């Protein structure tokens, strides 16, 4: 079986997130495990079924990002993979800046000693 390369790089980060499956009044609160421009993996013990559509609220620093998504993977008692299906351009820019900052922190720094 061949793995499909990811469209966006993922970054390990723990941010507060709420998922609200359509029709559910109370959001499911959790933490991200990783994040990309294409979606996120959320740690939660009460996982959702694959193909469930969800409204997403994600806090990046002090900024609240709203998105729509779909559950694409389910690991019972561990978490769900969520693909963004709609993200406003302004929210996408906030997310892109945050991920760029994460990437720069993870990038190898040149040695001062030669």
PDB file of N, CA and C in Angstrom:
ATOM      1  N   UNK A   1       0.842  -1.179   0.000  1.00  0.00           N
ATOM      2  CA  UNK A   1       0.000   0.000   0.000  1.00  0.00           C
ATOM      3  C   UNK A   1       0.889   1.245   0.000  1.00  0.00           C
ATOM      4  N   UNK A   2       0.612   2.173  -0.874  1.00  0.00           N
ATOM      5  CA  UNK A   2       1.398   3.385  -1.000  1.00  0.00           C
ATOM      6  C   UNK A   2       0.765   4.507  -0.201  1.00  0.00           C
ATOM      7  N   UNK A   3       1.594   5.244   0.519  1.00  0.00           N
ATOM      8  CA  UNK A   3       1.098   6.387   1.296  1.00  0.00           C
ATOM      9  C   UNK A   3       0.993   7.603   0.379  1.00  0.00           C
ATOM     10  N   UNK A   4      -0.069   8.355   0.544  1.00  0.00           N
ATOM     11  CA  UNK A   4      -0.245   9.582  -0.220  1.00  0.00           C
ATOM     12  C   UNK A   4       0.453  10.717   0.515  1.00  0.00           C
ATOM     13  N   UNK A   5       1.313  11.476  -0.174  1.00  0.00           N
ATOM     14  CA  UNK A   5       1.984  12.573   0.517  1.00  0.00           C
ATOM     15  C   UNK A   5       0.963  13.624   0.974  1.00  0.00           C
ATOM     16  N   UNK A   6       1.245  14.223   2.105  1.00  0.00           N
ATOM     17  CA  UNK A   6       0.348  15.242   2.644  1.00  0.00           C
ATOM     18  C   UNK A   6       0.479  16.524   1.845  1.00  0.00           C
ATOM     19  N   UNK A   7      -0.642  17.221   1.729  1.00  0.00           N
ATOM     20  CA  UNK A   7      -0.654  18.477   0.996  1.00  0.00           C
ATOM     21  C   UNK A   7       0.017  19.594   1.796  1.00  0.00           C
ATOM     22  N   UNK A   8      -0.125  19.544   3.138  1.00  0.00           N
ATOM     23  CA  UNK A   8       0.436  20.574   4.010  1.00  0.00           C
ATOM     24  C   UNK A   8       1.237  19.913   5.128  1.00  0.00           C
ATOM     25  N   UNK A   9       2.391  20.489   5.490  1.00  0.00           N
ATOM     26  CA  UNK A   9       3.154  19.915   6.602  1.00  0.00           C
ATOM     27  C   UNK A   9       2.401  20.078   7.923  1.00  0.00           C
ATOM     28  N   UNK A  10       2.537  19.079   8.789  1.00  0.00           N
ATOM     29  CA  UNK A  10       1.889  19.113  10.099  1.00  0.00           C
ATOM     30  C   UNK A  10       2.910  19.519  11.150  1.00  0.00           C
ATOM     31  N   UNK A  11       2.412  20.226  12.170  1.00  0.00           N
ATOM     32  CA  UNK A  11       3.264  20.676  13.260  1.00  0.00           C
ATOM     33  C   UNK A  11       2.643  20.260  14.590  1.00  0.00           C
ATOM     34  N   UNK A  12       3.447  19.674  15.442  1.00  0.00           N
ATOM     35  CA  UNK A  12       2.968  19.257  16.755  1.00  0.00           C
ATOM     36  C   UNK A  12       2.752  20.507  17.597  1.00  0.00           C
ATOM     37  N   UNK A  13       1.518  20.677  18.074  1.00  0.00           N
ATOM     38  CA  UNK A  13       1.196  21.813  18.924  1.00  0.00           C
ATOM     39  C   UNK A  13      -0.086  21.518  19.686  1.00  0.00           C
ATOM     40  N   UNK A  14      -0.155  22.034  20.886  1.00  0.00           N
ATOM     41  CA  UNK A  14      -1.325  21.808  21.731  1.00  0.00           C
ATOM     42  C   UNK A  14      -2.073  23.128  21.897  1.00  0.00           C
ATOM     43  N   UNK A  15      -3.240  23.206  21.256  1.00  0.00           N
ATOM     44  CA  UNK A  15      -4.079  24.400  21.325  1.00  0.00           C
ATOM     45  C   UNK A  15      -5.492  23.990  21.717  1.00  0.00           C
ATOM     46  N   UNK A  16      -6.202  24.859  22.438  1.00  0.00           N
ATOM     47  CA  UNK A  16      -7.597  24.541  22.749  1.00  0.00           C
ATOM     48  C   UNK A  16      -8.458  24.576  21.494  1.00  0.00           C
ATOM     49  N   UNK A  17      -9.363  23.605  21.395  1.00  0.00           N
ATOM     50  CA  UNK A  17     -10.230  23.505  20.228  1.00  0.00           C
ATOM     51  C   UNK A  17     -11.602  23.005  20.672  1.00  0.00           C
ATOM     52  N   UNK A  18     -12.619  23.454  19.975  1.00  0.00           N
ATOM     53  CA  UNK A  18     -13.970  22.946  20.164  1.00  0.00           C
ATOM     54  C   UNK A  18     -14.460  22.382  18.845  1.00  0.00           C
ATOM     55  N   UNK A  19     -15.048  21.206  18.903  1.00  0.00           N
ATOM     56  CA  UNK A  19     -15.700  20.605  17.748  1.00  0.00           C
ATOM     57  C   UNK A  19     -17.186  20.513  18.072  1.00  0.00           C
ATOM     58  N   UNK A  20     -18.003  20.906  17.128  1.00  0.00           N
ATOM     59  CA  UNK A  20     -19.453  20.810  17.316  1.00  0.00           C
ATOM     60  C   UNK A  20     -20.030  20.066  16.112  1.00  0.00           C
ATOM     61  N   UNK A  21     -20.303  18.760  16.289  1.00  0.00           N
ATOM     62  CA  UNK A  21     -20.954  18.033  15.202  1.00  0.00           C
ATOM     63  C   UNK A  21     -22.291  18.698  14.882  1.00  0.00           C
ATOM     64  N   UNK A  22     -22.649  18.730  13.599  1.00  0.00           N
ATOM     65  CA  UNK A  22     -23.890  19.364  13.192  1.00  0.00           C
ATOM     66  C   UNK A  22     -25.058  18.757  13.959  1.00  0.00           C
ATOM     67  N   UNK A  23     -25.911  19.622  14.503  1.00  0.00           N
ATOM     68  CA  UNK A  23     -27.067  19.175  15.257  1.00  0.00           C
ATOM     69  C   UNK A  23     -26.825  19.049  16.748  1.00  0.00           C
ATOM     70  N   UNK A  24     -25.571  19.104  17.187  1.00  0.00           N
ATOM     71  CA  UNK A  24     -25.260  19.015  18.611  1.00  0.00           C
ATOM     72  C   UNK A  24     -25.157  20.427  19.178  1.00  0.00           C
ATOM     73  N   UNK A  25     -25.830  20.689  20.283  1.00  0.00           N
ATOM     74  CA  UNK A  25     -25.839  22.026  20.867  1.00  0.00           C
ATOM     75  C   UNK A  25     -24.595  22.328  21.701  1.00  0.00           C
ATOM     76  N   UNK A  26     -24.024  21.311  22.327  1.00  0.00           N
ATOM     77  CA  UNK A  26     -22.886  21.499  23.217  1.00  0.00           C
ATOM     78  C   UNK A  26     -21.606  21.114  22.485  1.00  0.00           C
ATOM     79  N   UNK A  27     -20.597  22.002  22.489  1.00  0.00           N
ATOM     80  CA  UNK A  27     -19.347  21.657  21.806  1.00  0.00           C
ATOM     81  C   UNK A  27     -18.547  20.624  22.587  1.00  0.00           C
ATOM     82  N   UNK A  28     -17.730  19.882  21.854  1.00  0.00           N
ATOM     83  CA  UNK A  28     -16.794  18.939  22.448  1.00  0.00           C
ATOM     84  C   UNK A  28     -15.466  19.675  22.589  1.00  0.00           C
ATOM     85  N   UNK A  29     -15.015  19.884  23.815  1.00  0.00           N
ATOM     86  CA  UNK A  29     -13.773  20.632  24.058  1.00  0.00           C
ATOM     87  C   UNK A  29     -12.598  19.666  24.159  1.00  0.00           C
ATOM     88  N   UNK A  30     -11.488  20.050  23.537  1.00  0.00           N
ATOM     89  CA  UNK A  30     -10.324  19.171  23.504  1.00  0.00           C
ATOM     90  C   UNK A  30      -9.070  20.000  23.238  1.00  0.00           C
ATOM     91  N   UNK A  31      -7.971  19.312  22.944  1.00  0.00           N
ATOM     92  CA  UNK A  31      -6.691  19.924  22.591  1.00  0.00           C
ATOM     93  C   UNK A  31      -6.215  19.338  21.268  1.00  0.00           C
ATOM     94  N   UNK A  32      -5.552  20.168  20.489  1.00  0.00           N
ATOM     95  CA  UNK A  32      -4.947  19.640  19.270  1.00  0.00           C
ATOM     96  C   UNK A  32      -3.697  18.844  19.632  1.00  0.00           C
ATOM     97  N   UNK A  33      -3.369  17.884  18.790  1.00  0.00           N
ATOM     98  CA  UNK A  33      -2.103  17.176  18.899  1.00  0.00           C
ATOM     99  C   UNK A  33      -1.158  17.674  17.813  1.00  0.00           C
ATOM    100  N   UNK A  34      -1.734  17.894  16.630  1.00  0.00           N
ATOM    101  CA  UNK A  34      -0.965  18.524  15.561  1.00  0.00           C
ATOM    102  C   UNK A  34      -1.905  19.357  14.703  1.00  0.00           C
ATOM    103  N   UNK A  35      -1.294  20.208  13.874  1.00  0.00           N
ATOM    104  CA  UNK A  35      -2.049  21.213  13.132  1.00  0.00           C
ATOM    105  C   UNK A  35      -1.360  21.496  11.807  1.00  0.00           C
ATOM    106  N   UNK A  36      -2.172  21.738  10.772  1.00  0.00           N
ATOM    107  CA  UNK A  36      -1.656  22.151   9.470  1.00  0.00           C
ATOM    108  C   UNK A  36      -2.666  23.090   8.832  1.00  0.00           C
ATOM    109  N   UNK A  37      -2.334  23.614   7.663  1.00  0.00           N
ATOM    110  CA  UNK A  37      -3.301  24.443   6.933  1.00  0.00           C
ATOM    111  C   UNK A  37      -4.460  23.604   6.413  1.00  0.00           C
ATOM    112  N   UNK A  38      -4.294  22.300   6.372  1.00  0.00           N
ATOM    113  CA  UNK A  38      -5.340  21.424   5.854  1.00  0.00           C
ATOM    114  C   UNK A  38      -6.246  20.825   6.911  1.00  0.00           C
ATOM    115  N   UNK A  39      -5.824  20.881   8.182  1.00  0.00           N
ATOM    116  CA  UNK A  39      -6.643  20.295   9.224  1.00  0.00           C
ATOM    117  C   UNK A  39      -5.865  20.118  10.515  1.00  0.00           C
ATOM    118  N   UNK A  40      -6.388  19.245  11.370  1.00  0.00           N
ATOM    119  CA  UNK A  40      -5.775  19.046  12.675  1.00  0.00           C
ATOM    120  C   UNK A  40      -6.079  17.644  13.181  1.00  0.00           C
ATOM    121  N   UNK A  41      -5.307  17.242  14.171  1.00  0.00           N
ATOM    122  CA  UNK A  41      -5.621  16.013  14.898  1.00  0.00           C
ATOM    123  C   UNK A  41      -5.945  16.447  16.311  1.00  0.00           C
ATOM    124  N   UNK A  42      -7.085  16.006  16.811  1.00  0.00           N
ATOM    125  CA  UNK A  42      -7.545  16.420  18.125  1.00  0.00           C
ATOM    126  C   UNK A  42      -7.572  15.211  19.054  1.00  0.00           C
ATOM    127  N   UNK A  43      -6.999  15.386  20.248  1.00  0.00           N
ATOM    128  CA  UNK A  43      -7.000  14.339  21.257  1.00  0.00           C
ATOM    129  C   UNK A  43      -8.326  14.385  22.001  1.00  0.00           C
ATOM    130  N   UNK A  44      -9.047  13.271  21.996  1.00  0.00           N
ATOM    131  CA  UNK A  44     -10.310  13.190  22.729  1.00  0.00           C
ATOM    132  C   UNK A  44     -10.677  11.736  22.945  1.00  0.00           C
ATOM    133  N   UNK A  45     -11.252  11.437  24.103  1.00  0.00           N
ATOM    134  CA  UNK A  45     -11.611  10.054  24.390  1.00  0.00           C
ATOM    135  C   UNK A  45     -12.942   9.662  23.748  1.00  0.00           C
ATOM    136  N   UNK A  46     -13.855  10.617  23.613  1.00  0.00           N
ATOM    137  CA  UNK A  46     -15.151  10.347  22.964  1.00  0.00           C
ATOM    138  C   UNK A  46     -15.049  10.783  21.509  1.00  0.00           C
ATOM    139  N   UNK A  47     -14.562   9.893  20.669  1.00  0.00           N
ATOM    140  CA  UNK A  47     -14.305  10.245  19.274  1.00  0.00           C
ATOM    141  C   UNK A  47     -15.585  10.263  18.450  1.00  0.00           C
ATOM    142  N   UNK A  48     -15.499  10.921  17.307  1.00  0.00           N
ATOM    143  CA  UNK A  48     -16.613  11.042  16.374  1.00  0.00           C
ATOM    144  C   UNK A  48     -16.384  10.107  15.190  1.00  0.00           C
ATOM    145  N   UNK A  49     -17.464   9.737  14.533  1.00  0.00           N
ATOM    146  CA  UNK A  49     -17.378   8.838  13.375  1.00  0.00           C
ATOM    147  C   UNK A  49     -16.803   9.547  12.157  1.00  0.00           C
ATOM    148  N   UNK A  50     -16.086   8.797  11.335  1.00  0.00           N
ATOM    149  CA  UNK A  50     -15.561   9.313  10.067  1.00  0.00           C
ATOM    150  C   UNK A  50     -16.734   9.822   9.225  1.00  0.00           C
ATOM    151  N   UNK A  51     -16.522  10.908   8.528  1.00  0.00           N
ATOM    152  CA  UNK A  51     -17.486  11.604   7.663  1.00  0.00           C
ATOM    153  C   UNK A  51     -18.432  12.527   8.426  1.00  0.00           C
ATOM    154  N   UNK A  52     -18.312  12.621   9.759  1.00  0.00           N
ATOM    155  CA  UNK A  52     -19.122  13.560  10.526  1.00  0.00           C
ATOM    156  C   UNK A  52     -18.663  14.975  10.212  1.00  0.00           C
ATOM    157  N   UNK A  53     -19.594  15.852   9.874  1.00  0.00           N
ATOM    158  CA  UNK A  53     -19.273  17.263   9.636  1.00  0.00           C
ATOM    159  C   UNK A  53     -19.275  17.990  10.971  1.00  0.00           C
ATOM    160  N   UNK A  54     -18.300  18.880  11.155  1.00  0.00           N
ATOM    161  CA  UNK A  54     -18.167  19.596  12.422  1.00  0.00           C
ATOM    162  C   UNK A  54     -17.888  21.072  12.185  1.00  0.00           C
ATOM    163  N   UNK A  55     -18.385  21.896  13.108  1.00  0.00           N
ATOM    164  CA  UNK A  55     -17.961  23.284  13.200  1.00  0.00           C
ATOM    165  C   UNK A  55     -16.785  23.282  14.165  1.00  0.00           C
ATOM    166  N   UNK A  56     -15.777  24.086  13.851  1.00  0.00           N
ATOM    167  CA  UNK A  56     -14.534  24.100  14.627  1.00  0.00           C
ATOM    168  C   UNK A  56     -14.279  25.510  15.140  1.00  0.00           C
ATOM    169  N   UNK A  57     -13.910  25.606  16.410  1.00  0.00           N
ATOM    170  CA  UNK A  57     -13.404  26.858  16.970  1.00  0.00           C
ATOM    171  C   UNK A  57     -12.036  26.521  17.548  1.00  0.00           C
ATOM    172  N   UNK A  58     -11.025  27.245  17.094  1.00  0.00           N
ATOM    173  CA  UNK A  58      -9.638  27.000  17.472  1.00  0.00           C
ATOM    174  C   UNK A  58      -9.048  28.306  17.979  1.00  0.00           C
ATOM    175  N   UNK A  59      -8.375  28.271  19.121  1.00  0.00           N
ATOM    176  CA  UNK A  59      -7.742  29.482  19.642  1.00  0.00           C
ATOM    177  C   UNK A  59      -6.257  29.440  19.334  1.00  0.00           C
ATOM    178  N   UNK A  60      -5.815  30.417  18.550  1.00  0.00           N
ATOM    179  CA  UNK A  60      -4.401  30.565  18.198  1.00  0.00           C
ATOM    180  C   UNK A  60      -3.937  31.836  18.889  1.00  0.00           C
ATOM    181  N   UNK A  61      -3.184  31.659  19.983  1.00  0.00           N
ATOM    182  CA  UNK A  61      -2.847  32.814  20.800  1.00  0.00           C
ATOM    183  C   UNK A  61      -4.144  33.373  21.354  1.00  0.00           C
ATOM    184  N   UNK A  62      -4.374  34.663  21.179  1.00  0.00           N
ATOM    185  CA  UNK A  62      -5.619  35.271  21.626  1.00  0.00           C
ATOM    186  C   UNK A  62      -6.656  35.363  20.528  1.00  0.00           C
ATOM    187  N   UNK A  63      -6.388  34.756  19.373  1.00  0.00           N
ATOM    188  CA  UNK A  63      -7.279  34.872  18.224  1.00  0.00           C
ATOM    189  C   UNK A  63      -8.143  33.628  18.073  1.00  0.00           C
ATOM    190  N   UNK A  64      -9.430  33.859  17.901  1.00  0.00           N
ATOM    191  CA  UNK A  64     -10.391  32.772  17.715  1.00  0.00           C
ATOM    192  C   UNK A  64     -10.573  32.539  16.216  1.00  0.00           C
ATOM    193  N   UNK A  65     -10.310  31.319  15.772  1.00  0.00           N
ATOM    194  CA  UNK A  65     -10.472  30.946  14.372  1.00  0.00           C
ATOM    195  C   UNK A  65     -11.677  30.018  14.266  1.00  0.00           C
ATOM    196  N   UNK A  66     -12.558  30.314  13.313  1.00  0.00           N
ATOM    197  CA  UNK A  66     -13.708  29.454  13.071  1.00  0.00           C
ATOM    198  C   UNK A  66     -13.522  28.774  11.716  1.00  0.00           C
ATOM    199  N   UNK A  67     -13.910  27.512  11.672  1.00  0.00           N
ATOM    200  CA  UNK A  67     -13.791  26.739  10.430  1.00  0.00           C
ATOM    201  C   UNK A  67     -14.884  25.685  10.398  1.00  0.00           C
ATOM    202  N   UNK A  68     -15.025  25.078   9.249  1.00  0.00           N
ATOM    203  CA  UNK A  68     -15.878  23.910   9.091  1.00  0.00           C
ATOM    204  C   UNK A  68     -14.956  22.766   8.702  1.00  0.00           C
ATOM    205  N   UNK A  69     -15.318  21.566   9.114  1.00  0.00           N
ATOM    206  CA  UNK A  69     -14.463  20.430   8.816  1.00  0.00           C
ATOM    207  C   UNK A  69     -15.228  19.129   8.747  1.00  0.00           C
ATOM    208  N   UNK A  70     -14.472  18.083   8.457  1.00  0.00           N
ATOM    209  CA  UNK A  70     -15.031  16.737   8.386  1.00  0.00           C
ATOM    210  C   UNK A  70     -14.057  15.778   9.070  1.00  0.00           C
ATOM    211  N   UNK A  71     -14.602  14.869   9.853  1.00  0.00           N
ATOM    212  CA  UNK A  71     -13.781  13.849  10.507  1.00  0.00           C
ATOM    213  C   UNK A  71     -13.281  12.893   9.419  1.00  0.00           C
ATOM    214  N   UNK A  72     -11.960  12.711   9.352  1.00  0.00           N
ATOM    215  CA  UNK A  72     -11.374  11.842   8.329  1.00  0.00           C
ATOM    216  C   UNK A  72     -10.674  10.617   8.912  1.00  0.00           C
ATOM    217  N   UNK A  73     -10.429  10.629  10.226  1.00  0.00           N
ATOM    218  CA  UNK A  73      -9.884   9.431  10.863  1.00  0.00           C
ATOM    219  C   UNK A  73     -10.419   9.345  12.285  1.00  0.00           C
ATOM    220  N   UNK A  74     -10.560   8.105  12.747  1.00  0.00           N
ATOM    221  CA  UNK A  74     -11.120   7.855  14.063  1.00  0.00           C
ATOM    222  C   UNK A  74     -10.268   6.811  14.762  1.00  0.00           C
ATOM    223  N   UNK A  75      -9.689   7.200  15.887  1.00  0.00           N
ATOM    224  CA  UNK A  75      -8.903   6.291  16.709  1.00  0.00           C
ATOM    225  C   UNK A  75      -9.573   6.263  18.084  1.00  0.00           C
ATOM    226  N   UNK A  76     -10.510   5.307  18.302  1.00  0.00           N
ATOM    227  CA  UNK A  76     -11.301   5.279  19.534  1.00  0.00           C
ATOM    228  C   UNK A  76     -10.449   5.424  20.798  1.00  0.00           C
ATOM    229  N   UNK A  77     -10.919   6.271  21.687  1.00  0.00           N
ATOM    230  CA  UNK A  77     -10.280   6.585  22.972  1.00  0.00           C
ATOM    231  C   UNK A  77      -9.003   7.411  22.823  1.00  0.00           C
ATOM    232  N   UNK A  78      -8.612   7.773  21.604  1.00  0.00           N
ATOM    233  CA  UNK A  78      -7.410   8.576  21.395  1.00  0.00           C
ATOM    234  C   UNK A  78      -7.715   9.909  20.718  1.00  0.00           C
ATOM    235  N   UNK A  79      -8.401   9.875  19.572  1.00  0.00           N
ATOM    236  CA  UNK A  79      -8.659  11.133  18.893  1.00  0.00           C
ATOM    237  C   UNK A  79      -9.188  10.986  17.489  1.00  0.00           C
ATOM    238  N   UNK A  80      -9.357  12.148  16.858  1.00  0.00           N
ATOM    239  CA  UNK A  80      -9.885  12.236  15.497  1.00  0.00           C
ATOM    240  C   UNK A  80      -8.989  13.112  14.638  1.00  0.00           C
ATOM    241  N   UNK A  81      -8.840  12.715  13.372  1.00  0.00           N
ATOM    242  CA  UNK A  81      -8.249  13.574  12.363  1.00  0.00           C
ATOM    243  C   UNK A  81      -9.368  14.360  11.722  1.00  0.00           C
ATOM    244  N   UNK A  82      -9.163  15.667  11.566  1.00  0.00           N
ATOM    245  CA  UNK A  82     -10.195  16.543  11.019  1.00  0.00           C
ATOM    246  C   UNK A  82      -9.608  17.325   9.847  1.00  0.00           C
ATOM    247  N   UNK A  83     -10.296  17.276   8.716  1.00  0.00           N
ATOM    248  CA  UNK A  83      -9.899  18.039   7.531  1.00  0.00           C
ATOM    249  C   UNK A  83     -10.730  19.312   7.474  1.00  0.00           C
ATOM    250  N   UNK A  84     -10.058  20.454   7.253  1.00  0.00           N
ATOM    251  CA  UNK A  84     -10.799  21.697   7.069  1.00  0.00           C
ATOM    252  C   UNK A  84     -11.522  21.640   5.727  1.00  0.00           C
ATOM    253  N   UNK A  85     -12.817  21.945   5.721  1.00  0.00           N
ATOM    254  CA  UNK A  85     -13.563  22.020   4.476  1.00  0.00           C
ATOM    255  C   UNK A  85     -13.881  23.465   4.110  1.00  0.00           C
ATOM    256  N   UNK A  86     -13.836  24.358   5.108  1.00  0.00           N
ATOM    257  CA  UNK A  86     -14.031  25.786   4.844  1.00  0.00           C
ATOM    258  C   UNK A  86     -13.319  26.587   5.924  1.00  0.00           C
ATOM    259  N   UNK A  87     -12.503  27.529   5.480  1.00  0.00           N
ATOM    260  CA  UNK A  87     -11.754  28.404   6.364  1.00  0.00           C
ATOM    261  C   UNK A  87     -11.693  29.766   5.692  1.00  0.00           C
ATOM    262  N   UNK A  88     -12.264  30.796   6.349  1.00  0.00           N
ATOM    263  CA  UNK A  88     -12.241  32.144   5.772  1.00  0.00           C
ATOM    264  C   UNK A  88     -10.794  32.583   5.548  1.00  0.00           C
ATOM    265  N   UNK A  89     -10.584  33.418   4.546  1.00  0.00           N
ATOM    266  CA  UNK A  89      -9.230  33.848   4.189  1.00  0.00           C
ATOM    267  C   UNK A  89      -8.511  34.532   5.352  1.00  0.00           C
ATOM    268  N   UNK A  90      -9.201  35.390   6.103  1.00  0.00           N
ATOM    269  CA  UNK A  90      -8.571  36.074   7.241  1.00  0.00           C
ATOM    270  C   UNK A  90      -8.116  35.062   8.294  1.00  0.00           C
ATOM    271  N   UNK A  91      -8.936  34.054   8.571  1.00  0.00           N
ATOM    272  CA  UNK A  91      -8.564  33.021   9.533  1.00  0.00           C
ATOM    273  C   UNK A  91      -7.417  32.173   9.001  1.00  0.00           C
ATOM    274  N   UNK A  92      -7.420  31.914   7.706  1.00  0.00           N
ATOM    275  CA  UNK A  92      -6.337  31.144   7.090  1.00  0.00           C
ATOM    276  C   UNK A  92      -5.004  31.893   7.232  1.00  0.00           C
ATOM    277  N   UNK A  93      -5.042  33.219   7.096  1.00  0.00           N
ATOM    278  CA  UNK A  93      -3.822  34.016   7.242  1.00  0.00           C
ATOM    279  C   UNK A  93      -3.284  33.959   8.674  1.00  0.00           C
ATOM    280  N   UNK A  94      -4.185  34.037   9.661  1.00  0.00           N
ATOM    281  CA  UNK A  94      -3.771  33.918  11.069  1.00  0.00           C
ATOM    282  C   UNK A  94      -3.120  32.558  11.297  1.00  0.00           C
ATOM    283  N   UNK A  95      -3.748  31.515  10.796  1.00  0.00           N
ATOM    284  CA  UNK A  95      -3.221  30.167  10.939  1.00  0.00           C
ATOM    285  C   UNK A  95      -1.881  30.023  10.222  1.00  0.00           C
ATOM    286  N   UNK A  96      -1.776  30.568   9.027  1.00  0.00           N
ATOM    287  CA  UNK A  96      -0.525  30.487   8.258  1.00  0.00           C
ATOM    288  C   UNK A  96       0.618  31.172   9.017  1.00  0.00           C
ATOM    289  N   UNK A  97       0.352  32.364   9.596  1.00  0.00           N
ATOM    290  CA  UNK A  97       1.395  33.064  10.367  1.00  0.00           C
ATOM    291  C   UNK A  97       1.838  32.232  11.571  1.00  0.00           C
ATOM    292  N   UNK A  98       0.863  31.644  12.271  1.00  0.00           N
ATOM    293  CA  UNK A  98       1.186  30.820  13.434  1.00  0.00           C
ATOM    294  C   UNK A  98       2.048  29.631  13.024  1.00  0.00           C
ATOM    295  N   UNK A  99       1.685  28.946  11.958  1.00  0.00           N
ATOM    296  CA  UNK A  99       2.442  27.784  11.507  1.00  0.00           C
ATOM    297  C   UNK A  99       3.835  28.169  11.023  1.00  0.00           C
ATOM    298  N   UNK A 100       3.952  29.336  10.398  1.00  0.00           N
ATOM    299  CA  UNK A 100       5.272  29.825   9.971  1.00  0.00           C
ATOM    300  C   UNK A 100       6.159  30.074  11.185  1.00  0.00           C
ATOM    301  N   UNK A 101       5.582  30.635  12.250  1.00  0.00           N
ATOM    302  CA  UNK A 101       6.342  30.843  13.487  1.00  0.00           C
ATOM    303  C   UNK A 101       6.789  29.505  14.078  1.00  0.00           C
ATOM    304  N   UNK A 102       5.888  28.526  14.089  1.00  0.00           N
ATOM    305  CA  UNK A 102       6.254  27.200  14.589  1.00  0.00           C
ATOM    306  C   UNK A 102       7.390  26.603  13.766  1.00  0.00           C
ATOM    307  N   UNK A 103       7.271  26.725  12.457  1.00  0.00           N
ATOM    308  CA  UNK A 103       8.292  26.166  11.560  1.00  0.00           C
ATOM    309  C   UNK A 103       9.650  26.813  11.808  1.00  0.00           C
ATOM    310  N   UNK A 104       9.669  28.131  12.021  1.00  0.00           N
ATOM    311  CA  UNK A 104      10.942  28.814  12.239  1.00  0.00           C
ATOM    312  C   UNK A 104      11.571  28.398  13.568  1.00  0.00           C
ATOM    313  N   UNK A 105      10.750  28.055  14.560  1.00  0.00           N
ATOM    314  CA  UNK A 105      11.280  27.590  15.846  1.00  0.00           C
ATOM    315  C   UNK A 105      11.861  26.188  15.722  1.00  0.00           C
ATOM    316  N   UNK A 106      11.316  25.406  14.796  1.00  0.00           N
ATOM    317  CA  UNK A 106      11.773  24.036  14.623  1.00  0.00           C
ATOM    318  C   UNK A 106      12.936  23.911  13.642  1.00  0.00           C
ATOM    319  N   UNK A 107      13.136  24.937  12.819  1.00  0.00           N
ATOM    320  CA  UNK A 107      14.184  24.882  11.797  1.00  0.00           C
ATOM    321  C   UNK A 107      15.552  24.863  12.450  1.00  0.00           C
ATOM    322  N   UNK A 108      16.474  24.086  11.908  1.00  0.00           N
ATOM    323  CA  UNK A 108      17.828  24.075  12.480  1.00  0.00           C
ATOM    324  C   UNK A 108      18.450  25.449  12.374  1.00  0.00           C
ATOM    325  N   UNK A 109      19.104  25.849  13.416  1.00  0.00           N
ATOM    326  CA  UNK A 109      19.766  27.153  13.421  1.00  0.00           C
ATOM    327  C   UNK A 109      21.227  26.964  13.045  1.00  0.00           C
ATOM    328  N   UNK A 110      21.770  27.918  12.284  1.00  0.00           N
ATOM    329  CA  UNK A 110      23.185  27.771  11.891  1.00  0.00           C
ATOM    330  C   UNK A 110      24.087  27.849  13.115  1.00  0.00           C
ATOM    331  N   UNK A 111      25.123  27.063  13.085  1.00  0.00           N
ATOM    332  CA  UNK A 111      26.065  27.043  14.188  1.00  0.00           C
ATOM    333  C   UNK A 111      26.905  28.304  14.176  1.00  0.00           C
ATOM    334  N   UNK A 112      27.166  28.839  15.373  1.00  0.00           N
ATOM    335  CA  UNK A 112      28.020  30.026  15.482  1.00  0.00           C
ATOM    336  C   UNK A 112      29.482  29.624  15.461  1.00  0.00           C
ATOM    337  N   UNK A 113      29.754  28.374  15.758  1.00  0.00           N
ATOM    338  CA  UNK A 113      31.142  27.884  15.749  1.00  0.00           C
ATOM    339  C   UNK A 113      31.437  27.262  14.388  1.00  0.00           C
ATOM    340  N   UNK A 114      32.594  27.523  13.885  1.00  0.00           N
ATOM    341  CA  UNK A 114      32.982  26.951  12.603  1.00  0.00           C
ATOM    342  C   UNK A 114      34.173  26.080  12.738  1.00  0.00           C
TER     343      UNK A 114
END
